[in-house]
């Protein structure tokens, strides 16, 4: 039977577009502070696999270019957007967070400018002794750059040596995590996720020959394994290369989540809707903008609904049903922003050409 792994008429691959759209929705939901028991369980499952999913999909779409060409392409597609989005985020952070909250940030040039800029150069989505981030989700862009470069550098070796290198990357990431050491440019996260990127490369061009009646039960089984792993493994945060209690449970759960999403998306017939396709190609903009949009909506909710001018932002908590509503609103506003970016500022989306009508 025809399989939705085949390229769509637009030249894109239907199931990958669906998986990317689901993945970025989970990223947004994962950054909403859910307070109830179902919400906490959902967050554990999301964090167990959602960023490995993006490394896997990136591997599927890797063009297997030379290291020099990979660097050139990644500079345009990842690093330039990273720097521009970070600077735009700084322009939001400075008046909204720094100026309004002297209790959180000392009044000095060091905290007003130097530490945020050092944070950008370090490329770590967390605070360090040297600097801090003004838009944490941006860590994925330098990390994906590192993953691409690592893959291109080992590509000349024999398959056995490439597999050994990937295993060594993962082992090194585990050792660094155990010692709470983070490498610049989120290289630790790239090392931890090297097996997912490599799995994507290995599966390039492969077709699922399973019938629909087999895909859905397998997806359900993979989802069950993800649930078990997320409950047993504890907290996972790929941003800081934290794999939970066990690296084996981390990799088992992450691959299970990837399999569940991939099988479910491949089981859907036909091409994705225009909304899904646009969401899929707007993932960079959504990744970069959603924390600002979420923060803005939370502040509006505090002022207009709760009639409170108190800082809500990062300390607000929501039950799962409200978190889902907030996620939909954030996605809608980010997609509106993505249309503007695609039409007038394509450099922010990693593209060099404006979208023509």
Protein backbone atom coordinates (compact mmCIF):
# COMPACT_ATOMS: atom_id res chain seq x y z
CA UNK A 1 0.00 0.00 0.00
CA UNK A 2 1.11 3.60 -0.51
CA UNK A 3 2.91 4.97 2.50
CA UNK A 4 2.95 8.48 3.86
CA UNK A 5 6.71 8.22 4.21
CA UNK A 6 6.81 9.01 0.50
CA UNK A 7 7.51 12.65 -0.38
CA UNK A 8 4.45 14.85 -0.61
CA UNK A 9 3.72 16.64 -3.86
CA UNK A 10 5.24 19.81 -2.43
CA UNK A 11 8.62 18.07 -2.23
CA UNK A 12 8.36 17.76 1.55
CA UNK A 13 7.84 14.46 3.36
CA UNK A 14 4.35 14.24 4.78
CA UNK A 15 5.00 12.33 7.99
CA UNK A 16 8.07 14.42 8.85
CA UNK A 17 6.00 17.60 8.56
CA UNK A 18 3.43 16.09 10.92
CA UNK A 19 6.12 14.98 13.36
CA UNK A 20 7.78 18.39 13.35
CA UNK A 21 4.46 20.14 13.97
CA UNK A 22 3.68 17.82 16.89
CA UNK A 23 7.22 18.21 18.21
CA UNK A 24 7.17 22.01 18.26
CA UNK A 25 3.74 21.99 19.91
CA UNK A 26 5.22 19.78 22.63
CA UNK A 27 8.13 22.23 23.00
CA UNK A 28 5.67 25.06 23.67
CA UNK A 29 3.59 22.97 26.07
CA UNK A 30 6.76 21.78 27.80
CA UNK A 31 7.64 25.36 28.69
CA UNK A 32 4.29 25.98 30.35
CA UNK A 33 4.52 25.43 34.09
CA UNK A 34 1.90 22.76 34.71
CA UNK A 35 0.98 22.27 38.35
CA UNK A 36 -1.52 19.39 38.55
CA UNK A 37 -0.74 15.66 38.60
CA UNK A 38 -1.73 15.02 34.93
CA UNK A 39 0.31 18.04 33.89
CA UNK A 40 3.39 16.85 35.73
CA UNK A 41 3.08 13.40 34.16
CA UNK A 42 2.70 15.01 30.73
CA UNK A 43 5.82 17.12 31.28
CA UNK A 44 7.87 14.07 32.26
CA UNK A 45 6.84 12.31 29.06
CA UNK A 46 7.44 15.38 26.91
CA UNK A 47 10.92 16.04 28.27
CA UNK A 48 11.83 12.38 27.89
CA UNK A 49 11.78 12.57 24.08
CA UNK A 50 10.76 15.86 22.46
CA UNK A 51 14.27 17.24 21.82
CA UNK A 52 15.70 13.83 20.80
CA UNK A 53 12.83 13.78 18.28
CA UNK A 54 14.17 16.96 16.66
CA UNK A 55 17.72 15.61 16.53
CA UNK A 56 16.34 12.45 14.89
CA UNK A 57 14.33 14.40 12.31
CA UNK A 58 17.36 16.60 11.60
CA UNK A 59 19.39 13.47 10.92
CA UNK A 60 16.70 12.23 8.53
CA UNK A 61 17.02 15.48 6.60
CA UNK A 62 20.84 15.68 6.71
CA UNK A 63 22.24 16.21 3.21
CA UNK A 64 25.56 14.46 3.99
CA UNK A 65 27.66 17.38 2.87
CA UNK A 66 31.37 17.90 3.49
CA UNK A 67 32.43 19.53 6.77
CA UNK A 68 33.18 22.82 5.00
CA UNK A 69 29.83 22.89 3.22
CA UNK A 70 28.03 21.79 6.39
CA UNK A 71 29.63 24.67 8.27
CA UNK A 72 28.65 27.18 5.57
CA UNK A 73 25.04 25.99 5.39
CA UNK A 74 24.69 25.76 9.17
CA UNK A 75 26.07 29.27 9.57
CA UNK A 76 23.18 30.59 7.49
CA UNK A 77 20.51 28.22 8.73
CA UNK A 78 21.38 28.08 12.45
CA UNK A 79 24.05 30.43 13.76
CA UNK A 80 22.98 33.69 12.11
CA UNK A 81 19.33 33.19 13.15
CA UNK A 82 20.58 32.23 16.61
CA UNK A 83 22.50 35.47 17.04
CA UNK A 84 19.70 37.64 15.62
CA UNK A 85 16.96 36.01 17.69
CA UNK A 86 19.12 36.28 20.81
CA UNK A 87 19.65 40.00 20.25
CA UNK A 88 15.92 40.51 19.64
CA UNK A 89 15.21 38.57 22.82
CA UNK A 90 17.63 40.82 24.68
CA UNK A 91 15.63 43.85 23.53
CA UNK A 92 12.57 42.26 25.18
CA UNK A 93 14.41 41.07 28.30
CA UNK A 94 16.10 44.37 29.10
CA UNK A 95 12.98 46.51 29.73
CA UNK A 96 10.63 43.71 30.79
CA UNK A 97 12.92 41.80 33.15
CA UNK A 98 16.04 43.80 33.94
CA UNK A 99 14.61 47.30 34.34
CA UNK A 100 11.38 46.22 36.06
CA UNK A 101 12.96 43.84 38.57
CA UNK A 102 15.94 45.34 40.39
CA UNK A 103 15.45 42.73 43.11
CA UNK A 104 16.52 40.05 40.62
CA UNK A 105 19.34 41.82 38.77
CA UNK A 106 21.98 44.10 40.33
CA UNK A 107 22.14 47.54 38.75
CA UNK A 108 25.43 47.20 36.91
CA UNK A 109 26.74 47.09 33.35
CA UNK A 110 27.91 43.56 34.04
CA UNK A 111 24.39 42.27 34.64
CA UNK A 112 22.73 44.62 32.18
CA UNK A 113 24.90 43.71 29.21
CA UNK A 114 28.05 41.66 29.75
CA UNK A 115 26.55 38.56 31.36
CA UNK A 116 23.71 38.23 28.78
CA UNK A 117 26.17 38.66 25.91
CA UNK A 118 28.58 36.14 27.42
CA UNK A 119 25.59 33.82 27.70
CA UNK A 120 24.98 34.21 23.97
CA UNK A 121 28.63 33.41 23.15
CA UNK A 122 28.66 30.39 25.45
CA UNK A 123 25.50 29.03 23.81
CA UNK A 124 24.23 27.34 26.98
CA UNK A 125 20.52 27.61 27.75
CA UNK A 126 21.14 27.95 31.48
CA UNK A 127 22.85 30.29 33.91
CA UNK A 128 26.55 29.79 34.57
CA UNK A 129 29.12 31.59 36.70
CA UNK A 130 30.07 33.63 33.64
CA UNK A 131 26.73 34.54 32.09
CA UNK A 132 23.06 33.80 31.68
CA UNK A 133 20.59 33.30 28.84
CA UNK A 134 17.75 35.68 28.01
CA UNK A 135 15.90 33.10 25.85
CA UNK A 136 16.64 29.56 26.98
CA UNK A 137 15.11 27.56 24.07
CA UNK A 138 17.68 29.03 21.69
CA UNK A 139 20.24 26.53 23.05
CA UNK A 140 18.99 24.03 20.48
CA UNK A 141 20.39 26.01 17.53
CA UNK A 142 24.09 25.91 18.51
CA UNK A 143 23.60 22.35 19.73
CA UNK A 144 22.18 21.27 16.36
CA UNK A 145 25.10 23.05 14.69
CA UNK A 146 27.47 20.91 16.77
CA UNK A 147 25.52 17.74 15.94
CA UNK A 148 25.73 18.51 12.23
CA UNK A 149 29.45 19.18 12.40
CA UNK A 150 30.16 16.03 14.43
CA UNK A 151 28.22 13.96 11.91
CA UNK A 152 30.05 15.49 8.94
CA UNK A 153 33.45 14.98 10.56
CA UNK A 154 33.00 11.22 11.13
CA UNK A 155 31.27 10.57 7.80
CA UNK A 156 34.44 9.57 5.95
CA UNK A 157 35.04 6.61 8.26
CA UNK A 158 33.75 3.09 7.79
CA UNK A 159 30.25 2.40 9.13
CA UNK A 160 31.67 0.43 12.06
CA UNK A 161 33.96 3.29 13.02
CA UNK A 162 31.11 5.79 12.66
CA UNK A 163 28.93 3.71 14.98
CA UNK A 164 31.78 3.46 17.48
CA UNK A 165 32.28 7.24 17.35
CA UNK A 166 28.59 7.84 18.06
CA UNK A 167 28.73 5.50 21.06
CA UNK A 168 31.83 7.29 22.33
CA UNK A 169 30.07 10.65 21.93
CA UNK A 170 27.16 9.39 24.03
CA UNK A 171 29.48 7.89 26.66
CA UNK A 172 31.41 11.16 26.90
CA UNK A 173 28.15 13.07 27.37
CA UNK A 174 27.13 10.75 30.20
CA UNK A 175 30.50 11.19 31.93
CA UNK A 176 30.33 14.97 31.60
CA UNK A 177 26.75 14.98 32.92
CA UNK A 178 27.76 12.94 35.94
CA UNK A 179 30.37 15.59 36.74
CA UNK A 180 27.93 18.44 36.03
CA UNK A 181 30.18 19.78 33.27
CA UNK A 182 28.69 21.58 30.28
CA UNK A 183 30.66 22.24 27.10
CA UNK A 184 30.24 25.54 25.24
CA UNK A 185 27.71 25.86 22.42
CA UNK A 186 25.60 23.12 24.03
CA UNK A 187 28.06 20.56 22.71
CA UNK A 188 27.25 18.31 25.67
CA UNK A 189 23.64 18.10 24.48
CA UNK A 190 24.80 17.38 20.93
CA UNK A 191 27.00 14.54 22.20
CA UNK A 192 24.14 13.13 24.27
CA UNK A 193 21.83 13.22 21.25
CA UNK A 194 24.35 11.93 18.71
CA UNK A 195 22.64 8.48 18.63
CA UNK A 196 19.33 10.08 17.63
CA UNK A 197 20.93 12.14 14.86
CA UNK A 198 22.81 9.06 13.63
CA UNK A 199 19.62 6.98 13.70
CA UNK A 200 17.94 9.57 11.49
CA UNK A 201 20.79 9.38 8.97
CA UNK A 202 20.65 5.57 8.97
CA UNK A 203 16.93 5.62 8.21
CA UNK A 204 17.15 8.08 5.31
CA UNK A 205 15.19 6.77 2.33
CA UNK A 206 13.73 3.84 4.26
CA UNK A 207 10.05 3.05 3.85
CA UNK A 208 7.70 1.59 6.40
CA UNK A 209 6.13 -1.44 4.76
CA UNK A 210 3.88 -2.18 7.74
CA UNK A 211 0.14 -2.08 7.22
CA UNK A 212 -2.00 0.41 9.13
CA UNK A 213 -3.28 -2.27 11.50
CA UNK A 214 0.34 -2.94 12.57
CA UNK A 215 1.56 0.68 12.83
CA UNK A 216 -1.00 1.85 15.36
CA UNK A 217 -0.50 -1.00 17.89
CA UNK A 218 3.28 -0.54 17.60
CA UNK A 219 2.86 3.19 18.20
CA UNK A 220 0.72 2.44 21.25
CA UNK A 221 3.33 0.00 22.56
CA UNK A 222 6.09 2.55 22.06
CA UNK A 223 3.99 5.13 23.89
CA UNK A 224 3.57 2.71 26.79
CA UNK A 225 7.35 2.22 26.94
CA UNK A 226 7.80 5.99 26.93
CA UNK A 227 5.35 6.31 29.84
CA UNK A 228 7.16 3.62 31.83
CA UNK A 229 10.56 5.15 31.13
CA UNK A 230 9.44 8.66 32.07
CA UNK A 231 8.04 7.40 35.38
CA UNK A 232 11.10 5.31 36.21
CA UNK A 233 13.88 7.56 34.97
CA UNK A 234 12.97 10.80 36.70
CA UNK A 235 13.73 14.25 35.37
CA UNK A 236 15.31 14.64 31.94
CA UNK A 237 16.54 17.92 30.48
CA UNK A 238 18.52 17.65 27.26
CA UNK A 239 19.29 21.38 27.46
CA UNK A 240 21.66 20.70 30.37
CA UNK A 241 22.49 17.14 29.24
CA UNK A 242 20.61 15.61 32.18
CA UNK A 243 19.51 12.11 31.23
CA UNK A 244 17.73 11.18 34.46
CA UNK A 245 18.53 8.23 36.69
CA UNK A 246 19.78 5.91 33.96
CA UNK A 247 21.23 6.55 30.48
CA UNK A 248 19.72 3.25 29.32
CA UNK A 249 16.23 4.33 30.41
CA UNK A 250 16.81 7.72 28.79
CA UNK A 251 17.72 6.26 25.40
CA UNK A 252 14.99 3.59 25.60
CA UNK A 253 12.34 6.17 26.44
CA UNK A 254 13.51 8.71 23.88
CA UNK A 255 13.65 6.17 21.05
CA UNK A 256 10.22 4.88 22.15
CA UNK A 257 8.78 8.39 21.96
CA UNK A 258 10.38 8.95 18.56
CA UNK A 259 8.94 5.64 17.33
CA UNK A 260 5.47 6.44 18.68
CA UNK A 261 5.31 9.83 16.95
CA UNK A 262 6.88 8.52 13.71
CA UNK A 263 4.55 5.52 13.44
CA UNK A 264 1.46 7.54 14.28
CA UNK A 265 2.34 10.25 11.74
CA UNK A 266 3.22 7.67 9.08
CA UNK A 267 -0.12 5.96 9.64
CA UNK A 268 -2.07 9.06 8.60
CA UNK A 269 -3.07 9.02 4.92
CA UNK A 270 -2.54 11.76 2.37
CA UNK A 271 -0.73 15.06 2.74
CA UNK A 272 -0.81 17.21 5.87
CA UNK A 273 -3.00 20.29 5.99
CA UNK A 274 -1.61 23.68 5.05
CA UNK A 275 -1.63 24.62 8.74
CA UNK A 276 0.46 21.58 9.68
CA UNK A 277 2.88 22.16 6.79
CA UNK A 278 3.30 25.83 7.69
CA UNK A 279 3.84 24.93 11.35
CA UNK A 280 6.48 22.39 10.31
CA UNK A 281 8.47 24.87 8.27
CA UNK A 282 8.08 27.57 10.95
CA UNK A 283 9.63 25.56 13.78
CA UNK A 284 12.68 27.83 14.09
CA UNK A 285 10.53 30.95 14.50
CA UNK A 286 8.25 29.20 16.99
CA UNK A 287 11.23 27.88 18.93
CA UNK A 288 12.77 31.34 19.15
CA UNK A 289 9.63 33.38 19.85
CA UNK A 290 7.37 31.19 21.98
CA UNK A 291 8.87 31.98 25.38
CA UNK A 292 8.45 35.71 24.78
CA UNK A 293 4.89 35.21 23.56
CA UNK A 294 4.09 32.96 26.51
CA UNK A 295 5.50 35.51 28.93
CA UNK A 296 3.48 38.28 27.29
CA UNK A 297 0.22 36.31 27.48
CA UNK A 298 0.86 35.40 31.11
CA UNK A 299 1.43 39.04 31.99
CA UNK A 300 -1.76 40.07 30.17
CA UNK A 301 -3.66 37.36 32.03
CA UNK A 302 -2.28 38.62 35.35
CA UNK A 303 -3.26 42.22 34.66
CA UNK A 304 -6.59 41.78 32.83
CA UNK A 305 -8.02 38.69 34.54
CA UNK A 306 -6.33 38.51 37.94
CA UNK A 307 -6.06 42.33 38.24
CA UNK A 308 -2.54 41.94 39.54
CA UNK A 309 0.58 43.78 38.43
CA UNK A 310 2.84 41.28 40.19
CA UNK A 311 5.45 39.43 38.21
CA UNK A 312 3.85 36.29 36.86
CA UNK A 313 6.05 35.04 33.96
CA UNK A 314 8.33 32.21 35.00
CA UNK A 315 6.58 31.65 38.34
CA UNK A 316 3.04 31.13 37.00
CA UNK A 317 1.54 27.65 37.18
CA UNK A 318 -1.39 26.16 35.29
CA UNK A 319 -3.51 23.02 35.37
CA UNK A 320 -3.13 20.89 32.25
CA UNK A 321 -6.34 22.04 30.57
CA UNK A 322 -5.38 25.71 30.93
CA UNK A 323 -1.86 24.92 29.78
CA UNK A 324 -3.25 23.37 26.60
CA UNK A 325 -5.32 26.49 25.91
CA UNK A 326 -2.28 28.69 26.50
CA UNK A 327 -0.23 26.49 24.16
CA UNK A 328 -2.80 26.91 21.36
CA UNK A 329 -2.83 30.69 21.81
CA UNK A 330 0.97 30.87 21.82
CA UNK A 331 1.20 28.74 18.68
CA UNK A 332 -1.38 30.93 16.91
CA UNK A 333 0.54 34.12 17.68
CA UNK A 334 3.87 32.54 16.78
CA UNK A 335 2.47 31.37 13.44
CA UNK A 336 1.29 34.90 12.75
CA UNK A 337 4.81 36.11 13.51
CA UNK A 338 6.22 33.35 11.29
CA UNK A 339 4.23 34.69 8.34
CA UNK A 340 5.84 38.09 8.81
CA UNK A 341 9.28 36.51 9.19
CA UNK A 342 8.85 34.35 6.09
CA UNK A 343 7.62 37.26 4.01
CA UNK A 344 9.92 40.09 5.14
CA UNK A 345 12.74 38.76 7.34
CA UNK A 346 13.66 35.29 6.02
CA UNK A 347 17.14 35.56 7.51
CA UNK A 348 15.51 35.01 10.91
CA UNK A 349 14.22 31.67 9.65
CA UNK A 350 17.55 30.59 8.22
CA UNK A 351 16.60 31.42 4.64
CA UNK A 352 18.29 33.85 2.32
CA UNK A 353 15.29 34.68 0.14
CA UNK A 354 11.99 36.38 0.83
CA UNK A 355 8.84 34.39 0.28
CA UNK A 356 7.18 35.43 -2.96
CA UNK A 357 3.42 35.69 -3.16
